[in-house]
């Protein structure tokens, strides 16, 4: 089974959580527009009061393609 990678977008400041939630909407829109329904693991998470993330999980083999288009801040190995 291919490893799954979590692409992460970091948001900081008092509005970080609401921005992360909104960014997830854009990720879902991208998935739908590109017909990538089988890759629909997205989400957001509050790290602290001033830091939140939005994320999308993609197969390791497709990381470069999505990284270059969507420009995440970082990535990590996804473990469900």
Protein backbone atom coordinates (compact mmCIF):
# COMPACT_ATOMS: atom_id res chain seq x y z
CA UNK A 1 0.00 0.00 0.00
CA UNK A 2 1.31 3.43 -0.96
CA UNK A 3 2.13 5.86 1.82
CA UNK A 4 -0.26 8.75 2.30
CA UNK A 5 1.06 12.28 2.81
CA UNK A 6 -0.75 15.07 4.62
CA UNK A 7 -0.27 18.41 2.86
CA UNK A 8 -0.59 21.19 5.43
CA UNK A 9 -1.38 24.88 5.21
CA UNK A 10 -0.59 26.88 8.36
CA UNK A 11 -2.59 29.93 9.42
CA UNK A 12 -1.65 32.18 12.31
CA UNK A 13 -3.32 35.01 14.17
CA UNK A 14 -6.66 35.61 15.88
CA UNK A 15 -8.62 34.50 12.78
CA UNK A 16 -6.49 31.40 12.10
CA UNK A 17 -9.24 28.85 12.77
CA UNK A 18 -11.85 30.57 10.59
CA UNK A 19 -9.31 30.95 7.77
CA UNK A 20 -8.35 27.26 8.03
CA UNK A 21 -12.03 26.26 7.87
CA UNK A 22 -12.49 28.44 4.79
CA UNK A 23 -9.35 27.05 3.15
CA UNK A 24 -10.74 23.53 3.54
CA UNK A 25 -13.75 24.63 1.46
CA UNK A 26 -11.35 25.65 -1.32
CA UNK A 27 -9.56 22.30 -1.07
CA UNK A 28 -12.88 20.46 -1.44
CA UNK A 29 -13.77 22.66 -4.43
CA UNK A 30 -10.42 21.79 -6.03
CA UNK A 31 -10.98 18.07 -5.43
CA UNK A 32 -14.42 18.29 -7.02
CA UNK A 33 -13.25 20.38 -10.00
CA UNK A 34 -10.37 18.01 -10.70
CA UNK A 35 -12.61 14.94 -10.23
CA UNK A 36 -10.40 13.54 -7.45
CA UNK A 37 -13.28 12.23 -5.36
CA UNK A 38 -11.27 9.19 -4.21
CA UNK A 39 -8.81 11.62 -2.55
CA UNK A 40 -11.25 13.44 -0.31
CA UNK A 41 -9.55 13.33 3.09
CA UNK A 42 -9.43 16.98 4.11
CA UNK A 43 -9.84 18.82 7.35
CA UNK A 44 -8.79 21.58 9.66
CA UNK A 45 -7.43 21.60 13.17
CA UNK A 46 -6.85 24.22 15.83
CA UNK A 47 -3.29 23.87 17.11
CA UNK A 48 -3.52 26.78 19.54
CA UNK A 49 -5.54 29.94 19.98
CA UNK A 50 -3.40 31.66 17.33
CA UNK A 51 -2.47 28.74 15.05
CA UNK A 52 -4.66 26.49 12.91
CA UNK A 53 -4.09 24.26 9.91
CA UNK A 54 -6.01 23.01 6.91
CA UNK A 55 -4.90 19.75 5.33
CA UNK A 56 -5.40 17.34 2.45
CA UNK A 57 -4.16 13.75 2.30
CA UNK A 58 -2.71 12.58 -1.03
CA UNK A 59 -0.78 9.51 -2.21
CA UNK A 60 2.99 9.95 -2.01
CA UNK A 61 3.35 9.43 -5.77
CA UNK A 62 1.22 12.53 -6.47
CA UNK A 63 2.79 14.88 -3.95
CA UNK A 64 4.88 16.87 -6.43
CA UNK A 65 1.93 17.55 -8.74
CA UNK A 66 -0.30 18.90 -5.97
CA UNK A 67 2.52 20.62 -4.09
CA UNK A 68 3.46 22.66 -7.15
CA UNK A 69 -0.13 23.73 -7.83
CA UNK A 70 -1.45 24.32 -4.29
CA UNK A 71 1.75 25.35 -2.48
CA UNK A 72 1.24 23.91 1.01
CA UNK A 73 3.51 25.16 3.80
CA UNK A 74 4.65 21.67 4.76
CA UNK A 75 3.82 17.97 4.64
CA UNK A 76 3.97 14.99 6.95
CA UNK A 77 3.25 11.28 6.84
CA UNK A 78 -0.46 10.61 7.36
CA UNK A 79 -1.48 7.93 9.80
CA UNK A 80 -5.22 7.32 10.09
